[in-house]
Amino acid sequence: MANELHSLIRLHRWGVDEKRRRLAELLRFVAGLEDRGRRLEAEIKNEQAVAGASPVEVGFIYGNYAEAVIEHRQRIAESIAGTEVEIAAAREELGDAYRELKKYEIAQDERDKRQAEELSRKEQIILDELGIKGFLQKRLVS
């Protein structure tokens, strides 16, 4: 029975680790999207400067470029929003898995504690018997 709890604990630890890795993966994905958004902002500022420097040559092309960048930014924002929902769900799953793991760990700790107390009680009984035997032998000898 004790081995069953150890197996369950090991299984739930693995599950918690998997959920933690999934959450980290989602967080890295969002960080990548946010980084891409910052680079896009820097790129558009650079293109605005170029278009402002030579409005006749580049000005008419900049409008199409700006429109494409706006769409790209919107797709990035939508992806971030969707992933944030997934992150919230992953955090909830991780919390649930961690609570479940803690239940098994606490049960195992209690079981270990009871076993240690039982072993201590048995050892004390043996020591008491040895003490009584020693006392009786001394009484018989004297």
N, C-alpha and C. Protein backbone atom coordinates (compact mmCIF):
# COMPACT_ATOMS: atom_id res chain seq x y z
N MET A 1 0.83 -1.20 0.00
CA MET A 1 0.00 0.00 0.00
C MET A 1 0.87 1.26 0.00
N ALA A 2 1.96 1.21 0.77
CA ALA A 2 2.84 2.37 0.82
C ALA A 2 3.46 2.63 -0.55
N ASN A 3 3.77 1.56 -1.24
CA ASN A 3 4.37 1.70 -2.57
C ASN A 3 3.38 2.33 -3.54
N GLU A 4 2.08 2.06 -3.35
CA GLU A 4 1.06 2.66 -4.21
C GLU A 4 1.09 4.18 -4.10
N LEU A 5 1.23 4.69 -2.89
CA LEU A 5 1.29 6.15 -2.72
C LEU A 5 2.55 6.72 -3.36
N HIS A 6 3.67 6.02 -3.21
CA HIS A 6 4.90 6.50 -3.84
C HIS A 6 4.73 6.56 -5.35
N SER A 7 4.07 5.55 -5.91
CA SER A 7 3.82 5.55 -7.36
C SER A 7 2.90 6.70 -7.76
N LEU A 8 1.85 6.92 -6.97
CA LEU A 8 0.94 8.03 -7.26
C LEU A 8 1.65 9.37 -7.15
N ILE A 9 2.48 9.50 -6.15
CA ILE A 9 3.24 10.75 -5.97
C ILE A 9 4.15 10.98 -7.17
N ARG A 10 4.86 9.94 -7.58
CA ARG A 10 5.75 10.05 -8.74
C ARG A 10 4.95 10.42 -9.99
N LEU A 11 3.81 9.78 -10.18
CA LEU A 11 2.96 10.06 -11.34
C LEU A 11 2.46 11.51 -11.31
N HIS A 12 2.02 11.97 -10.16
CA HIS A 12 1.51 13.34 -10.06
C HIS A 12 2.63 14.38 -10.18
N ARG A 13 3.81 14.05 -9.69
CA ARG A 13 4.95 14.97 -9.89
C ARG A 13 5.24 15.12 -11.37
N TRP A 14 5.20 14.00 -12.07
CA TRP A 14 5.43 14.04 -13.52
C TRP A 14 4.36 14.92 -14.17
N GLY A 15 3.10 14.75 -13.76
CA GLY A 15 2.01 15.57 -14.31
C GLY A 15 2.21 17.05 -14.03
N VAL A 16 2.61 17.37 -12.80
CA VAL A 16 2.87 18.77 -12.44
C VAL A 16 4.01 19.32 -13.30
N ASP A 17 5.06 18.54 -13.47
CA ASP A 17 6.19 18.99 -14.30
C ASP A 17 5.75 19.23 -15.75
N GLU A 18 4.92 18.34 -16.28
CA GLU A 18 4.42 18.51 -17.65
C GLU A 18 3.59 19.79 -17.77
N LYS A 19 2.74 20.03 -16.80
CA LYS A 19 1.90 21.24 -16.83
C LYS A 19 2.76 22.49 -16.67
N ARG A 20 3.80 22.39 -15.85
CA ARG A 20 4.71 23.53 -15.67
C ARG A 20 5.45 23.82 -16.97
N ARG A 21 5.88 22.76 -17.67
CA ARG A 21 6.57 22.96 -18.95
C ARG A 21 5.63 23.58 -19.98
N ARG A 22 4.39 23.13 -20.00
CA ARG A 22 3.41 23.68 -20.95
C ARG A 22 3.18 25.17 -20.67
N LEU A 23 3.05 25.52 -19.40
CA LEU A 23 2.86 26.92 -19.03
C LEU A 23 4.08 27.75 -19.46
N ALA A 24 5.27 27.24 -19.21
CA ALA A 24 6.49 27.95 -19.60
C ALA A 24 6.55 28.13 -21.11
N GLU A 25 6.12 27.12 -21.84
CA GLU A 25 6.10 27.20 -23.30
C GLU A 25 5.15 28.31 -23.76
N LEU A 26 3.98 28.38 -23.17
CA LEU A 26 3.02 29.43 -23.52
C LEU A 26 3.56 30.81 -23.17
N LEU A 27 4.20 30.93 -22.02
CA LEU A 27 4.77 32.22 -21.61
C LEU A 27 5.89 32.64 -22.56
N ARG A 28 6.71 31.68 -23.00
CA ARG A 28 7.77 32.01 -23.98
C ARG A 28 7.16 32.46 -25.30
N PHE A 29 6.07 31.80 -25.70
CA PHE A 29 5.40 32.16 -26.94
C PHE A 29 4.90 33.60 -26.88
N VAL A 30 4.26 33.96 -25.77
CA VAL A 30 3.76 35.34 -25.61
C VAL A 30 4.92 36.32 -25.60
N ALA A 31 6.00 35.97 -24.92
CA ALA A 31 7.18 36.85 -24.89
C ALA A 31 7.71 37.05 -26.31
N GLY A 32 7.72 35.99 -27.11
CA GLY A 32 8.16 36.10 -28.49
C GLY A 32 7.25 37.01 -29.31
N LEU A 33 5.95 36.87 -29.09
CA LEU A 33 5.01 37.74 -29.80
C LEU A 33 5.18 39.20 -29.38
N GLU A 34 5.36 39.42 -28.09
CA GLU A 34 5.57 40.79 -27.62
C GLU A 34 6.86 41.37 -28.18
N ASP A 35 7.89 40.55 -28.25
CA ASP A 35 9.15 40.99 -28.84
C ASP A 35 8.96 41.34 -30.31
N ARG A 36 8.21 40.49 -31.01
CA ARG A 36 7.93 40.75 -32.43
C ARG A 36 7.16 42.07 -32.57
N GLY A 37 6.24 42.34 -31.68
CA GLY A 37 5.49 43.60 -31.70
C GLY A 37 6.40 44.80 -31.49
N ARG A 38 7.35 44.67 -30.55
CA ARG A 38 8.29 45.78 -30.32
C ARG A 38 9.18 46.01 -31.54
N ARG A 39 9.63 44.93 -32.16
CA ARG A 39 10.46 45.08 -33.37
C ARG A 39 9.66 45.72 -34.50
N LEU A 40 8.39 45.36 -34.59
CA LEU A 40 7.52 45.93 -35.62
C LEU A 40 7.35 47.43 -35.39
N GLU A 41 7.19 47.83 -34.13
CA GLU A 41 7.08 49.25 -33.80
C GLU A 41 8.35 50.01 -34.20
N ALA A 42 9.50 49.42 -33.88
CA ALA A 42 10.77 50.06 -34.24
C ALA A 42 10.90 50.15 -35.76
N GLU A 43 10.48 49.10 -36.44
CA GLU A 43 10.57 49.07 -37.90
C GLU A 43 9.67 50.14 -38.52
N ILE A 44 8.47 50.30 -37.99
CA ILE A 44 7.56 51.30 -38.56
C ILE A 44 8.07 52.71 -38.30
N LYS A 45 8.68 52.95 -37.15
CA LYS A 45 9.26 54.28 -36.88
C LYS A 45 10.39 54.57 -37.87
N ASN A 46 11.19 53.55 -38.15
CA ASN A 46 12.27 53.70 -39.12
C ASN A 46 11.70 54.01 -40.51
N GLU A 47 10.66 53.28 -40.90
CA GLU A 47 10.04 53.50 -42.21
C GLU A 47 9.37 54.87 -42.30
N GLN A 48 8.80 55.33 -41.17
CA GLN A 48 8.21 56.67 -41.15
C GLN A 48 9.28 57.73 -41.40
N ALA A 49 10.44 57.53 -40.78
CA ALA A 49 11.54 58.48 -40.96
C ALA A 49 11.99 58.50 -42.42
N VAL A 50 12.10 57.31 -43.02
CA VAL A 50 12.52 57.23 -44.43
C VAL A 50 11.46 57.88 -45.32
N ALA A 51 10.19 57.58 -45.06
CA ALA A 51 9.11 58.15 -45.88
C ALA A 51 9.04 59.67 -45.70
N GLY A 52 9.31 60.14 -44.49
CA GLY A 52 9.29 61.59 -44.24
C GLY A 52 10.44 62.29 -44.91
N ALA A 53 11.58 61.61 -45.06
CA ALA A 53 12.75 62.22 -45.68
C ALA A 53 12.57 62.39 -47.18
N SER A 54 11.90 61.45 -47.80
CA SER A 54 11.67 61.57 -49.24
C SER A 54 10.22 61.21 -49.55
N PRO A 55 9.31 62.14 -49.26
CA PRO A 55 7.88 61.84 -49.42
C PRO A 55 7.46 61.59 -50.87
N VAL A 56 8.14 62.19 -51.81
CA VAL A 56 7.75 62.04 -53.21
C VAL A 56 8.06 60.62 -53.69
N GLU A 57 9.24 60.12 -53.37
CA GLU A 57 9.66 58.82 -53.89
C GLU A 57 9.03 57.65 -53.13
N VAL A 58 8.93 57.76 -51.80
CA VAL A 58 8.51 56.62 -50.98
C VAL A 58 7.12 56.82 -50.39
N GLY A 59 6.64 58.02 -50.38
CA GLY A 59 5.39 58.34 -49.69
C GLY A 59 4.21 57.50 -50.12
N PHE A 60 4.04 57.25 -51.42
CA PHE A 60 2.87 56.50 -51.88
C PHE A 60 2.97 55.01 -51.51
N ILE A 61 4.17 54.48 -51.35
CA ILE A 61 4.36 53.07 -50.98
C ILE A 61 4.15 52.89 -49.48
N TYR A 62 4.45 53.93 -48.73
CA TYR A 62 4.37 53.83 -47.27
C TYR A 62 2.95 53.51 -46.80
N GLY A 63 1.95 54.03 -47.48
CA GLY A 63 0.55 53.79 -47.10
C GLY A 63 0.22 52.30 -47.09
N ASN A 64 0.63 51.60 -48.13
CA ASN A 64 0.39 50.15 -48.19
C ASN A 64 1.17 49.43 -47.10
N TYR A 65 2.39 49.88 -46.89
CA TYR A 65 3.23 49.27 -45.85
C TYR A 65 2.59 49.46 -44.48
N ALA A 66 2.15 50.68 -44.19
CA ALA A 66 1.55 50.97 -42.89
C ALA A 66 0.29 50.14 -42.68
N GLU A 67 -0.49 49.96 -43.72
CA GLU A 67 -1.70 49.14 -43.63
C GLU A 67 -1.35 47.69 -43.28
N ALA A 68 -0.33 47.15 -43.93
CA ALA A 68 0.10 45.77 -43.66
C ALA A 68 0.62 45.64 -42.24
N VAL A 69 1.35 46.65 -41.77
CA VAL A 69 1.89 46.61 -40.41
C VAL A 69 0.76 46.66 -39.39
N ILE A 70 -0.24 47.47 -39.65
CA ILE A 70 -1.38 47.57 -38.73
C ILE A 70 -2.09 46.22 -38.63
N GLU A 71 -2.28 45.55 -39.77
CA GLU A 71 -2.90 44.22 -39.76
C GLU A 71 -2.03 43.22 -38.99
N HIS A 72 -0.74 43.30 -39.22
CA HIS A 72 0.19 42.39 -38.53
C HIS A 72 0.14 42.62 -37.02
N ARG A 73 0.14 43.88 -36.61
CA ARG A 73 0.05 44.21 -35.18
C ARG A 73 -1.25 43.68 -34.59
N GLN A 74 -2.32 43.79 -35.35
CA GLN A 74 -3.62 43.31 -34.86
C GLN A 74 -3.59 41.78 -34.71
N ARG A 75 -3.00 41.08 -35.66
CA ARG A 75 -2.89 39.61 -35.55
C ARG A 75 -2.04 39.23 -34.35
N ILE A 76 -0.97 39.97 -34.11
CA ILE A 76 -0.12 39.71 -32.94
C ILE A 76 -0.92 39.91 -31.66
N ALA A 77 -1.67 41.01 -31.60
CA ALA A 77 -2.47 41.29 -30.40
C ALA A 77 -3.53 40.21 -30.18
N GLU A 78 -4.15 39.74 -31.26
CA GLU A 78 -5.14 38.67 -31.15
C GLU A 78 -4.49 37.37 -30.67
N SER A 79 -3.31 37.08 -31.20
CA SER A 79 -2.60 35.87 -30.77
C SER A 79 -2.23 35.96 -29.29
N ILE A 80 -1.78 37.13 -28.88
CA ILE A 80 -1.43 37.31 -27.46
C ILE A 80 -2.67 37.13 -26.59
N ALA A 81 -3.79 37.72 -27.00
CA ALA A 81 -5.02 37.61 -26.21
C ALA A 81 -5.47 36.15 -26.12
N GLY A 82 -5.42 35.44 -27.24
CA GLY A 82 -5.80 34.02 -27.23
C GLY A 82 -4.88 33.18 -26.37
N THR A 83 -3.61 33.49 -26.44
CA THR A 83 -2.63 32.74 -25.64
C THR A 83 -2.77 33.07 -24.16
N GLU A 84 -3.14 34.30 -23.85
CA GLU A 84 -3.36 34.67 -22.44
C GLU A 84 -4.49 33.84 -21.84
N VAL A 85 -5.51 33.56 -22.64
CA VAL A 85 -6.60 32.69 -22.17
C VAL A 85 -6.06 31.29 -21.90
N GLU A 86 -5.24 30.79 -22.82
CA GLU A 86 -4.62 29.47 -22.62
C GLU A 86 -3.72 29.47 -21.38
N ILE A 87 -3.01 30.57 -21.16
CA ILE A 87 -2.12 30.67 -20.00
C ILE A 87 -2.94 30.61 -18.71
N ALA A 88 -4.06 31.32 -18.69
CA ALA A 88 -4.91 31.29 -17.49
C ALA A 88 -5.40 29.87 -17.22
N ALA A 89 -5.81 29.17 -18.28
CA ALA A 89 -6.28 27.79 -18.12
C ALA A 89 -5.13 26.89 -17.67
N ALA A 90 -3.94 27.09 -18.24
CA ALA A 90 -2.78 26.27 -17.87
C ALA A 90 -2.38 26.52 -16.42
N ARG A 91 -2.48 27.77 -15.98
CA ARG A 91 -2.18 28.07 -14.57
C ARG A 91 -3.17 27.38 -13.64
N GLU A 92 -4.43 27.39 -14.03
CA GLU A 92 -5.47 26.73 -13.23
C GLU A 92 -5.21 25.22 -13.16
N GLU A 93 -4.89 24.63 -14.31
CA GLU A 93 -4.59 23.19 -14.34
C GLU A 93 -3.37 22.87 -13.49
N LEU A 94 -2.36 23.72 -13.57
CA LEU A 94 -1.15 23.51 -12.77
C LEU A 94 -1.48 23.60 -11.29
N GLY A 95 -2.27 24.58 -10.91
CA GLY A 95 -2.67 24.71 -9.51
C GLY A 95 -3.43 23.49 -9.02
N ASP A 96 -4.36 23.01 -9.84
CA ASP A 96 -5.13 21.81 -9.47
C ASP A 96 -4.22 20.60 -9.32
N ALA A 97 -3.31 20.43 -10.28
CA ALA A 97 -2.40 19.29 -10.23
C ALA A 97 -1.49 19.37 -9.01
N TYR A 98 -1.04 20.58 -8.69
CA TYR A 98 -0.16 20.75 -7.53
C TYR A 98 -0.92 20.44 -6.23
N ARG A 99 -2.17 20.89 -6.15
CA ARG A 99 -2.97 20.59 -4.95
C ARG A 99 -3.19 19.08 -4.81
N GLU A 100 -3.45 18.42 -5.92
CA GLU A 100 -3.64 16.96 -5.90
C GLU A 100 -2.35 16.26 -5.44
N LEU A 101 -1.22 16.72 -5.96
CA LEU A 101 0.07 16.16 -5.55
C LEU A 101 0.28 16.34 -4.06
N LYS A 102 -0.03 17.53 -3.56
CA LYS A 102 0.16 17.80 -2.13
C LYS A 102 -0.69 16.87 -1.27
N LYS A 103 -1.90 16.54 -1.73
CA LYS A 103 -2.75 15.61 -0.97
C LYS A 103 -2.04 14.28 -0.78
N TYR A 104 -1.48 13.77 -1.86
CA TYR A 104 -0.78 12.48 -1.78
C TYR A 104 0.48 12.57 -0.93
N GLU A 105 1.20 13.68 -1.07
CA GLU A 105 2.42 13.84 -0.26
C GLU A 105 2.09 13.93 1.22
N ILE A 106 1.03 14.65 1.55
CA ILE A 106 0.63 14.76 2.96
C ILE A 106 0.18 13.40 3.49
N ALA A 107 -0.58 12.67 2.67
CA ALA A 107 -1.02 11.33 3.09
C ALA A 107 0.19 10.43 3.33
N GLN A 108 1.19 10.52 2.44
CA GLN A 108 2.40 9.71 2.61
C GLN A 108 3.17 10.13 3.86
N ASP A 109 3.26 11.42 4.11
CA ASP A 109 3.94 11.90 5.32
C ASP A 109 3.24 11.39 6.57
N GLU A 110 1.91 11.43 6.56
CA GLU A 110 1.15 10.92 7.71
C GLU A 110 1.39 9.42 7.88
N ARG A 111 1.39 8.70 6.78
CA ARG A 111 1.63 7.25 6.84
C ARG A 111 3.04 6.97 7.38
N ASP A 112 4.03 7.72 6.90
CA ASP A 112 5.40 7.54 7.39
C ASP A 112 5.49 7.86 8.88
N LYS A 113 4.79 8.90 9.29
CA LYS A 113 4.79 9.29 10.71
C LYS A 113 4.18 8.19 11.57
N ARG A 114 3.03 7.65 11.12
CA ARG A 114 2.40 6.56 11.88
C ARG A 114 3.30 5.34 11.95
N GLN A 115 3.97 5.02 10.85
CA GLN A 115 4.88 3.87 10.85
C GLN A 115 6.05 4.09 11.79
N ALA A 116 6.58 5.30 11.81
CA ALA A 116 7.69 5.62 12.72
C ALA A 116 7.24 5.53 14.17
N GLU A 117 6.04 6.02 14.45
CA GLU A 117 5.51 5.93 15.81
C GLU A 117 5.29 4.48 16.23
N GLU A 118 4.79 3.66 15.31
CA GLU A 118 4.57 2.24 15.60
C GLU A 118 5.90 1.54 15.85
N LEU A 119 6.89 1.85 15.04
CA LEU A 119 8.22 1.26 15.23
C LEU A 119 8.80 1.69 16.56
N SER A 120 8.66 2.95 16.90
CA SER A 120 9.16 3.46 18.18
C SER A 120 8.44 2.77 19.34
N ARG A 121 7.14 2.57 19.21
CA ARG A 121 6.37 1.90 20.26
C ARG A 121 6.84 0.46 20.44
N LYS A 122 7.06 -0.24 19.33
CA LYS A 122 7.53 -1.63 19.40
C LYS A 122 8.93 -1.70 20.03
N GLU A 123 9.79 -0.77 19.64
CA GLU A 123 11.14 -0.74 20.23
C GLU A 123 11.06 -0.47 21.73
N GLN A 124 10.16 0.43 22.12
CA GLN A 124 10.01 0.74 23.54
C GLN A 124 9.50 -0.48 24.31
N ILE A 125 8.60 -1.24 23.72
CA ILE A 125 8.10 -2.47 24.37
C ILE A 125 9.25 -3.44 24.58
N ILE A 126 10.09 -3.61 23.56
CA ILE A 126 11.24 -4.52 23.68
C ILE A 126 12.19 -4.04 24.76
N LEU A 127 12.47 -2.73 24.78
CA LEU A 127 13.36 -2.19 25.81
C LEU A 127 12.76 -2.35 27.21
N ASP A 128 11.46 -2.15 27.32
CA ASP A 128 10.79 -2.34 28.62
C ASP A 128 10.91 -3.80 29.07
N GLU A 129 10.70 -4.73 28.14
CA GLU A 129 10.81 -6.15 28.49
C GLU A 129 12.23 -6.49 28.93
N LEU A 130 13.22 -5.93 28.23
CA LEU A 130 14.62 -6.17 28.62
C LEU A 130 14.90 -5.60 30.00
N GLY A 131 14.36 -4.41 30.27
CA GLY A 131 14.54 -3.79 31.58
C GLY A 131 13.91 -4.62 32.69
N ILE A 132 12.71 -5.11 32.43
CA ILE A 132 12.02 -5.94 33.43
C ILE A 132 12.78 -7.23 33.66
N LYS A 133 13.25 -7.87 32.58
CA LYS A 133 14.03 -9.12 32.72
C LYS A 133 15.30 -8.86 33.52
N GLY A 134 15.96 -7.76 33.23
CA GLY A 134 17.18 -7.42 33.97
C GLY A 134 16.89 -7.18 35.43
N PHE A 135 15.82 -6.49 35.70
CA PHE A 135 15.43 -6.22 37.09
C PHE A 135 15.12 -7.52 37.82
N LEU A 136 14.35 -8.40 37.16
CA LEU A 136 14.00 -9.67 37.79
C LEU A 136 15.22 -10.55 38.02
N GLN A 137 16.16 -10.53 37.08
CA GLN A 137 17.38 -11.33 37.25
C GLN A 137 18.20 -10.81 38.43
N LYS A 138 18.29 -9.49 38.56
CA LYS A 138 19.03 -8.91 39.69
C LYS A 138 18.35 -9.28 41.00
N ARG A 139 17.04 -9.28 41.03
CA ARG A 139 16.30 -9.63 42.24
C ARG A 139 16.50 -11.09 42.61
N LEU A 140 16.52 -11.92 41.59
CA LEU A 140 16.70 -13.35 41.85
C LEU A 140 18.12 -13.65 42.33
N VAL A 141 19.10 -12.94 41.82
CA VAL A 141 20.50 -13.15 42.20
C VAL A 141 20.74 -12.65 43.62
N SER A 142 20.13 -11.57 44.02
CA SER A 142 20.39 -11.04 45.36
C SER A 142 19.57 -11.65 46.41
